[in-house]
Each structure stands twice: as structure tokens, then as C-alpha cells.
C-alpha atoms as a PDB file:
ATOM      1  CA  MET A   1     -36.863  36.088  13.099  1.00  0.00           C
ATOM      2  CA  VAL A   2     -33.723  33.869  12.648  1.00  0.00           C
ATOM      3  CA  SER A   3     -32.607  33.596   9.047  1.00  0.00           C
ATOM      4  CA  LEU A   4     -31.638  30.185   7.806  1.00  0.00           C
ATOM      5  CA  PRO A   5     -28.513  29.656   5.626  1.00  0.00           C
ATOM      6  CA  HIS A   6     -29.097  29.204   1.913  1.00  0.00           C
ATOM      7  CA  PRO A   7     -29.275  25.547   0.825  1.00  0.00           C
ATOM      8  CA  ALA A   8     -26.338  26.059  -1.452  1.00  0.00           C
ATOM      9  CA  VAL A   9     -24.190  27.359   1.413  1.00  0.00           C
ATOM     10  CA  THR A  10     -25.183  24.415   3.598  1.00  0.00           C
ATOM     11  CA  ALA A  11     -24.248  22.038   0.789  1.00  0.00           C
ATOM     12  CA  LEU A  12     -20.822  23.670   0.445  1.00  0.00           C
ATOM     13  CA  ARG A  13     -20.285  23.257   4.155  1.00  0.00           C
ATOM     14  CA  VAL A  14     -21.075  19.602   3.986  1.00  0.00           C
ATOM     15  CA  VAL A  15     -18.791  19.067   1.123  1.00  0.00           C
ATOM     16  CA  GLY A  16     -16.040  20.899   2.965  1.00  0.00           C
ATOM     17  CA  VAL A  17     -16.353  18.688   5.943  1.00  0.00           C
ATOM     18  CA  CYS A  18     -16.279  15.534   3.891  1.00  0.00           C
ATOM     19  CA  VAL A  19     -13.090  16.719   2.159  1.00  0.00           C
ATOM     20  CA  VAL A  20     -11.400  17.351   5.465  1.00  0.00           C
ATOM     21  CA  VAL A  21     -12.434  13.954   6.797  1.00  0.00           C
ATOM     22  CA  SER A  22     -11.053  12.317   3.604  1.00  0.00           C
ATOM     23  CA  LEU A  23      -7.747  14.097   3.911  1.00  0.00           C
ATOM     24  CA  MET A  24      -7.342  13.088   7.548  1.00  0.00           C
ATOM     25  CA  ALA A  25      -7.939   9.446   6.491  1.00  0.00           C
ATOM     26  CA  GLY A  26      -5.509   9.603   3.612  1.00  0.00           C
ATOM     27  CA  CYS A  27      -1.778   9.662   3.435  1.00  0.00           C
ATOM     28  CA  ALA A  28      -0.584  11.947   0.658  1.00  0.00           C
ATOM     29  CA  GLY A  29      -1.617  15.423  -0.306  1.00  0.00           C
ATOM     30  CA  SER A  30      -2.347  16.739  -3.766  1.00  0.00           C
ATOM     31  CA  SER A  31       0.809  18.820  -3.546  1.00  0.00           C
ATOM     32  CA  ARG A  32       2.813  15.719  -4.550  1.00  0.00           C
ATOM     33  CA  GLN A  33       1.047  15.368  -7.892  1.00  0.00           C
ATOM     34  CA  GLY A  34       3.612  15.426 -10.710  1.00  0.00           C
ATOM     35  CA  VAL A  35       6.506  15.088  -8.359  1.00  0.00           C
ATOM     36  CA  GLU A  36       6.709  11.382  -7.758  1.00  0.00           C
ATOM     37  CA  PRO A  37       8.585   9.165 -10.186  1.00  0.00           C
ATOM     38  CA  THR A  38       6.034   7.746 -12.658  1.00  0.00           C
ATOM     39  CA  GLU A  39       7.760   4.547 -13.714  1.00  0.00           C
ATOM     40  CA  ASP A  40       6.216   1.041 -12.936  1.00  0.00           C
ATOM     41  CA  TYR A  41       8.820  -1.632 -12.573  1.00  0.00           C
ATOM     42  CA  PHE A  42       6.455  -4.539 -12.883  1.00  0.00           C
ATOM     43  CA  ALA A  43       7.503  -5.502 -16.417  1.00  0.00           C
ATOM     44  CA  MET A  44      11.149  -4.390 -16.130  1.00  0.00           C
ATOM     45  CA  SER A  45      13.100  -6.100 -13.422  1.00  0.00           C
ATOM     46  CA  LEU A  46      10.741  -8.125 -11.385  1.00  0.00           C
ATOM     47  CA  PRO A  47      10.119 -11.814 -12.020  1.00  0.00           C
ATOM     48  CA  GLY A  48       7.011 -12.792 -13.936  1.00  0.00           C
ATOM     49  CA  LEU A  49       3.964 -14.338 -12.426  1.00  0.00           C
ATOM     50  CA  GLU A  50       3.487 -17.081 -14.835  1.00  0.00           C
ATOM     51  CA  LYS A  51       6.365 -19.406 -13.828  1.00  0.00           C
ATOM     52  CA  GLY A  52       5.057 -22.433 -11.888  1.00  0.00           C
ATOM     53  CA  PHE A  53       1.523 -21.075 -11.783  1.00  0.00           C
ATOM     54  CA  ASN A  54      -1.515 -23.427 -12.065  1.00  0.00           C
ATOM     55  CA  PRO A  55      -3.423 -22.254 -15.142  1.00  0.00           C
ATOM     56  CA  GLN A  56      -6.747 -23.437 -13.472  1.00  0.00           C
ATOM     57  CA  MET A  57      -6.176 -20.899 -10.661  1.00  0.00           C
ATOM     58  CA  SER A  58      -6.067 -17.117 -10.686  1.00  0.00           C
ATOM     59  CA  PRO A  59      -2.713 -15.539  -9.755  1.00  0.00           C
ATOM     60  CA  ILE A  60      -4.148 -14.461  -6.451  1.00  0.00           C
ATOM     61  CA  ASP A  61      -5.597 -17.944  -5.601  1.00  0.00           C
ATOM     62  CA  ASN A  62      -2.376 -19.658  -6.565  1.00  0.00           C
ATOM     63  CA  THR A  63       0.020 -17.458  -4.643  1.00  0.00           C
ATOM     64  CA  LEU A  64      -2.185 -17.451  -1.593  1.00  0.00           C
ATOM     65  CA  THR A  65      -2.275 -21.208  -1.687  1.00  0.00           C
ATOM     66  CA  GLN A  66       1.557 -21.261  -1.819  1.00  0.00           C
ATOM     67  CA  LEU A  67       1.859 -18.641   0.846  1.00  0.00           C
ATOM     68  CA  ARG A  68      -0.328 -20.667   3.206  1.00  0.00           C
ATOM     69  CA  SER A  69       1.423 -23.942   2.472  1.00  0.00           C
ATOM     70  CA  PHE A  70       4.514 -22.800   4.425  1.00  0.00           C
ATOM     71  CA  GLN A  71       4.804 -22.638   8.172  1.00  0.00           C
ATOM     72  CA  THR A  72       7.062 -19.666   7.722  1.00  0.00           C
ATOM     73  CA  PRO A  73       6.842 -18.516   4.042  1.00  0.00           C
ATOM     74  CA  PRO A  74      10.200 -17.477   2.427  1.00  0.00           C
ATOM     75  CA  PRO A  75      10.526 -13.934   1.187  1.00  0.00           C
ATOM     76  CA  THR A  76      10.187 -15.167  -2.461  1.00  0.00           C
ATOM     77  CA  VAL A  77       6.782 -16.639  -1.774  1.00  0.00           C
ATOM     78  CA  ILE A  78       5.604 -13.388  -0.074  1.00  0.00           C
ATOM     79  CA  ARG A  79       7.061 -11.358  -3.034  1.00  0.00           C
ATOM     80  CA  GLN A  80       5.016 -13.574  -5.459  1.00  0.00           C
ATOM     81  CA  ALA A  81       1.858 -12.928  -3.483  1.00  0.00           C
ATOM     82  CA  LEU A  82       2.493  -9.208  -3.583  1.00  0.00           C
ATOM     83  CA  LEU A  83       3.170  -9.374  -7.352  1.00  0.00           C
ATOM     84  CA  ALA A  84      -0.224 -11.074  -7.769  1.00  0.00           C
ATOM     85  CA  GLN A  85      -1.870  -8.376  -5.757  1.00  0.00           C
ATOM     86  CA  HIS A  86      -0.184  -5.709  -7.989  1.00  0.00           C
ATOM     87  CA  GLN A  87      -1.562  -7.489 -10.978  1.00  0.00           C
ATOM     88  CA  GLN A  88      -5.065  -7.238  -9.443  1.00  0.00           C
ATOM     89  CA  TRP A  89      -4.761  -3.617  -8.494  1.00  0.00           C
ATOM     90  CA  SER A  90      -2.634  -2.193 -11.298  1.00  0.00           C
ATOM     91  CA  GLY A  91      -4.442   0.616 -12.999  1.00  0.00           C
ATOM     92  CA  THR A  92      -6.443   1.585  -9.892  1.00  0.00           C
ATOM     93  CA  PRO A  93      -6.268   5.421  -9.630  1.00  0.00           C
ATOM     94  CA  TYR A  94      -5.175   7.269  -6.527  1.00  0.00           C
ATOM     95  CA  ARG A  95      -8.031   8.795  -4.498  1.00  0.00           C
ATOM     96  CA  ILE A  96      -7.641  10.362  -1.073  1.00  0.00           C
ATOM     97  CA  GLY A  97      -9.850   8.458   1.365  1.00  0.00           C
ATOM     98  CA  GLY A  98     -10.469   5.712  -1.202  1.00  0.00           C
ATOM     99  CA  THR A  99     -10.388   1.999  -0.360  1.00  0.00           C
ATOM    100  CA  THR A 100     -11.612   0.230  -3.469  1.00  0.00           C
ATOM    101  CA  HIS A 101     -10.666  -0.513  -7.119  1.00  0.00           C
ATOM    102  CA  ARG A 102     -12.363   2.640  -8.027  1.00  0.00           C
ATOM    103  CA  GLY A 103      -9.788   4.640  -6.200  1.00  0.00           C
ATOM    104  CA  VAL A 104      -7.549   4.062  -3.292  1.00  0.00           C
ATOM    105  CA  ASP A 105      -4.986   6.034  -1.143  1.00  0.00           C
ATOM    106  CA  CYS A 106      -1.697   4.574   0.148  1.00  0.00           C
ATOM    107  CA  SER A 107      -2.839   3.635   3.600  1.00  0.00           C
ATOM    108  CA  GLY A 108      -6.049   2.126   2.401  1.00  0.00           C
ATOM    109  CA  PHE A 109      -4.201   0.107  -0.202  1.00  0.00           C
ATOM    110  CA  VAL A 110      -1.649  -1.226   2.317  1.00  0.00           C
ATOM    111  CA  ARG A 111      -4.492  -2.120   4.737  1.00  0.00           C
ATOM    112  CA  ASN A 112      -6.396  -4.017   1.956  1.00  0.00           C
ATOM    113  CA  ILE A 113      -3.242  -5.958   0.898  1.00  0.00           C
ATOM    114  CA  TYR A 114      -2.317  -6.894   4.490  1.00  0.00           C
ATOM    115  CA  ARG A 115      -5.834  -8.070   5.132  1.00  0.00           C
ATOM    116  CA  ASP A 116      -6.256 -10.058   1.848  1.00  0.00           C
ATOM    117  CA  THR A 117      -2.776 -11.518   1.717  1.00  0.00           C
ATOM    118  CA  PHE A 118      -1.785 -11.995   5.274  1.00  0.00           C
ATOM    119  CA  ASN A 119      -5.102 -12.044   7.116  1.00  0.00           C
ATOM    120  CA  MET A 120      -3.945  -9.199   9.254  1.00  0.00           C
ATOM    121  CA  GLU A 121      -5.841  -6.012   9.962  1.00  0.00           C
ATOM    122  CA  LEU A 122      -3.936  -2.706  10.002  1.00  0.00           C
ATOM    123  CA  PRO A 123      -5.142   0.781  11.165  1.00  0.00           C
ATOM    124  CA  ARG A 124      -6.654   2.825   8.428  1.00  0.00           C
ATOM    125  CA  SER A 125      -4.241   5.756   8.508  1.00  0.00           C
ATOM    126  CA  THR A 126      -0.528   6.092   7.902  1.00  0.00           C
ATOM    127  CA  ALA A 127      -0.288   7.981  11.219  1.00  0.00           C
ATOM    128  CA  ASP A 128      -1.462   4.769  13.011  1.00  0.00           C
ATOM    129  CA  GLN A 129       0.217   2.239  10.713  1.00  0.00           C
ATOM    130  CA  VAL A 130       3.618   3.700  11.469  1.00  0.00           C
ATOM    131  CA  HIS A 131       3.260   2.411  15.055  1.00  0.00           C
ATOM    132  CA  GLU A 132       2.572  -1.286  13.932  1.00  0.00           C
ATOM    133  CA  GLY A 133       5.177  -3.938  14.534  1.00  0.00           C
ATOM    134  CA  ARG A 134       8.730  -3.061  15.263  1.00  0.00           C
ATOM    135  CA  LEU A 135      11.173  -0.541  13.849  1.00  0.00           C
ATOM    136  CA  ILE A 136      13.820  -2.051  11.684  1.00  0.00           C
ATOM    137  CA  ASP A 137      16.901  -0.766   9.856  1.00  0.00           C
ATOM    138  CA  ARG A 138      16.672  -0.258   6.161  1.00  0.00           C
ATOM    139  CA  GLN A 139      19.401  -2.915   5.715  1.00  0.00           C
ATOM    140  CA  GLU A 140      17.091  -5.509   7.372  1.00  0.00           C
ATOM    141  CA  LEU A 141      14.131  -5.022   4.985  1.00  0.00           C
ATOM    142  CA  GLN A 142      12.424  -8.167   3.817  1.00  0.00           C
ATOM    143  CA  ALA A 143       9.413  -8.673   1.532  1.00  0.00           C
ATOM    144  CA  GLY A 144       6.219  -7.698   3.364  1.00  0.00           C
ATOM    145  CA  ASP A 145       7.788  -5.030   5.510  1.00  0.00           C
ATOM    146  CA  LEU A 146       6.194  -1.555   5.711  1.00  0.00           C
ATOM    147  CA  VAL A 147       8.124   1.348   4.311  1.00  0.00           C
ATOM    148  CA  PHE A 148       7.380   4.941   5.210  1.00  0.00           C
ATOM    149  CA  PHE A 149       8.294   8.166   3.517  1.00  0.00           C
ATOM    150  CA  GLN A 150       7.906  11.922   4.411  1.00  0.00           C
ATOM    151  CA  PRO A 151       7.543  13.621   1.005  1.00  0.00           C
ATOM    152  CA  PRO A 152       6.759  17.445   0.696  1.00  0.00           C
ATOM    153  CA  GLY A 153       3.384  18.422   1.963  1.00  0.00           C
ATOM    154  CA  PRO A 154       1.524  17.569   5.197  1.00  0.00           C
ATOM    155  CA  TYR A 155       1.004  13.902   4.517  1.00  0.00           C
ATOM    156  CA  ASN A 156       3.287  10.894   4.997  1.00  0.00           C
ATOM    157  CA  HIS A 157       3.331   7.951   2.628  1.00  0.00           C
ATOM    158  CA  VAL A 158       3.444   4.190   3.010  1.00  0.00           C
ATOM    159  CA  GLY A 159       4.169   1.138   0.862  1.00  0.00           C
ATOM    160  CA  ILE A 160       5.042  -2.544   1.170  1.00  0.00           C
ATOM    161  CA  TYR A 161       8.548  -3.681   0.542  1.00  0.00           C
ATOM    162  CA  MET A 162       8.946  -6.437  -2.177  1.00  0.00           C
ATOM    163  CA  GLY A 163      12.776  -7.046  -2.083  1.00  0.00           C
ATOM    164  CA  ASP A 164      15.672  -5.853  -4.165  1.00  0.00           C
ATOM    165  CA  GLY A 165      14.838  -2.210  -3.459  1.00  0.00           C
ATOM    166  CA  TYR A 166      11.325  -2.324  -4.832  1.00  0.00           C
ATOM    167  CA  PHE A 167       8.082  -1.427  -3.036  1.00  0.00           C
ATOM    168  CA  LEU A 168       4.344  -1.718  -3.846  1.00  0.00           C
ATOM    169  CA  HIS A 169       2.211   1.325  -3.152  1.00  0.00           C
ATOM    170  CA  ALA A 170      -0.610   3.661  -4.293  1.00  0.00           C
ATOM    171  CA  SER A 171       1.179   6.630  -5.819  1.00  0.00           C
ATOM    172  CA  SER A 172      -0.472   9.967  -5.862  1.00  0.00           C
ATOM    173  CA  SER A 173       0.561  10.547  -9.470  1.00  0.00           C
ATOM    174  CA  ARG A 174       0.061   7.055 -11.004  1.00  0.00           C
ATOM    175  CA  GLY A 175      -2.106   5.059  -8.674  1.00  0.00           C
ATOM    176  CA  VAL A 176      -1.115   1.473  -7.746  1.00  0.00           C
ATOM    177  CA  ILE A 177       2.416   0.981  -8.884  1.00  0.00           C
ATOM    178  CA  ILE A 178       5.739  -0.689  -8.111  1.00  0.00           C
ATOM    179  CA  SER A 179       8.605   1.817  -7.535  1.00  0.00           C
ATOM    180  CA  THR A 180      12.271   1.632  -6.630  1.00  0.00           C
ATOM    181  CA  MET A 181      13.444   2.968  -3.373  1.00  0.00           C
ATOM    182  CA  ASN A 182      16.807   3.725  -5.048  1.00  0.00           C
ATOM    183  CA  SER A 183      15.351   6.649  -7.129  1.00  0.00           C
ATOM    184  CA  GLY A 184      16.445  10.097  -6.064  1.00  0.00           C
ATOM    185  CA  TYR A 185      12.904  11.112  -4.973  1.00  0.00           C
ATOM    186  CA  TRP A 186      12.281   8.092  -2.709  1.00  0.00           C
ATOM    187  CA  GLN A 187      15.826   8.100  -1.401  1.00  0.00           C
ATOM    188  CA  ARG A 188      15.498  11.783  -0.306  1.00  0.00           C
ATOM    189  CA  HIS A 189      12.140  11.238   1.411  1.00  0.00           C
ATOM    190  CA  TYR A 190      12.658   7.873   2.983  1.00  0.00           C
ATOM    191  CA  TRP A 191      11.669   7.855   6.720  1.00  0.00           C
ATOM    192  CA  GLN A 192      11.555   4.476   8.329  1.00  0.00           C
ATOM    193  CA  ALA A 193      10.538   0.818   7.987  1.00  0.00           C
ATOM    194  CA  ARG A 194       8.594  -1.416  10.253  1.00  0.00           C
ATOM    195  CA  ARG A 195       8.074  -5.139  10.450  1.00  0.00           C
ATOM    196  CA  ALA A 196       4.397  -5.784  11.241  1.00  0.00           C
ATOM    197  CA  LEU A 197       4.600  -9.461  10.141  1.00  0.00           C
ATOM    198  CA  ASP A 198       6.522 -11.775  12.460  1.00  0.00           C
ATOM    199  CA  ALA A 199       7.174 -15.589  12.274  1.00  0.00           C
ATOM    200  CA  THR A 200       4.242 -16.342  14.565  1.00  0.00           C
ATOM    201  CA  HIS A 201       1.804 -14.449  12.467  1.00  0.00           C
ATOM    202  CA  LEU A 202       3.104 -15.974   9.210  1.00  0.00           C
ATOM    203  CA  ALA A 203       2.800 -19.439  10.746  1.00  0.00           C
ATOM    204  CA  GLN A 204      -0.907 -18.751  11.148  1.00  0.00           C
ATOM    205  CA  LEU A 205      -1.539 -18.177   7.512  1.00  0.00           C
ATOM    206  CA  GLY A 206      -2.439 -21.860   6.987  1.00  0.00           C
ATOM    207  CA  ASP A 207      -5.325 -21.439   9.418  1.00  0.00           C
ATOM    208  CA  PHE A 208      -7.483 -19.364   7.093  1.00  0.00           C
END
């Protein structure tokens, strides 16, 4: 007679498979916990969201309206739209494989922001996102560009550049946060930057 595995063993195997799938979809391993800088620069050096905003509209609605009113939005407008997204997502914890406000990983967060802000669908994983658009030099960075890092551990990391050396991302230690690329940690592990948004795509923002 063939013996069947104990239900508890089966359950453990299912959980193990789910964890592996989540890790494959994510972008940063737990080995980075407690290593990343933990500062959030939102209230320190970045301009506030209140200036010029219509009080009858939410920050997201207002900035998206501004963004779509330009044929080719200037970097300052893109930056304001990203700041509004930060305000909406701030406090969201990091969770490998997560894609919602209950928990999100770096590639899932970037994908959400690109979809909701620029009406552009990116691949789910960092491994695929790194092939989007064109490779650019760090000196060419503009608001909205993707920035990639190779920190310790098996997973790469991705964020969205905001200008002046800052980038928006889902940190494994603090969740959704704005960090400076000029810190020792991010300087050491910087990998590359890519421009997924081009003038043609930005010109289509007014169509949605």
C-alpha cells in the first residue's frame, strides 16, 4: 500500500513553493534588512506639495491633471506627480511579492507608479524592468527615469529618480520612502539607469 504524506508535511511544501514564487517576483532579499539607510527626505529637502494645489482636488488628481496638460511635461511636473504618489504610498511596508498598500516590493511599487502616473505598463520583476527603455548615463538622469542597484544578496533593487539626487522606492527596511543616491550605501551599490519614458509616450498622457 502506498503511504500518503502527512497533511502537515503537504502544507509545509505548499508554503515553501509560495515563498519561492514570491522571492522570484520580488526585487530585494531579507539579507538587506537593517543595512539600507533609513532616512526619508520627503520633509527635508524636497519642495512641498501644497504650493499651487487646488484644495478641491486630491494631490494625486491635481498633479495628474497638471501632468496631462503638457504635451511634454517638464521634469518639475513629473517630480510633483511622484511626490504626490509618495504621499499616497508613504507608510506602506515592504513585502516581497506585494503589490498593494498592505505591502509592496520595489518592482511592484515601480510598476504601480508607472501605471497610475504615466499610463505605462512595466514588467513585474526587476530582472525584466532593467531591459525597459534605453540605458542612460547617471549624469543624464531626469525625473521619471528608472534607477537600479545591486546591493548585497541575490536580488537587485529599483526605484524612480525624482531629481537632485533623490529617488522614490520601496525600501526593504522602511517600506515606501524617498532616499538620496548620494549616500554611501546607494553610491556603492548603484548599477545603472534607464529611460523608459520618452517624449512620444509623455505626449500621449493627455489621451487618458
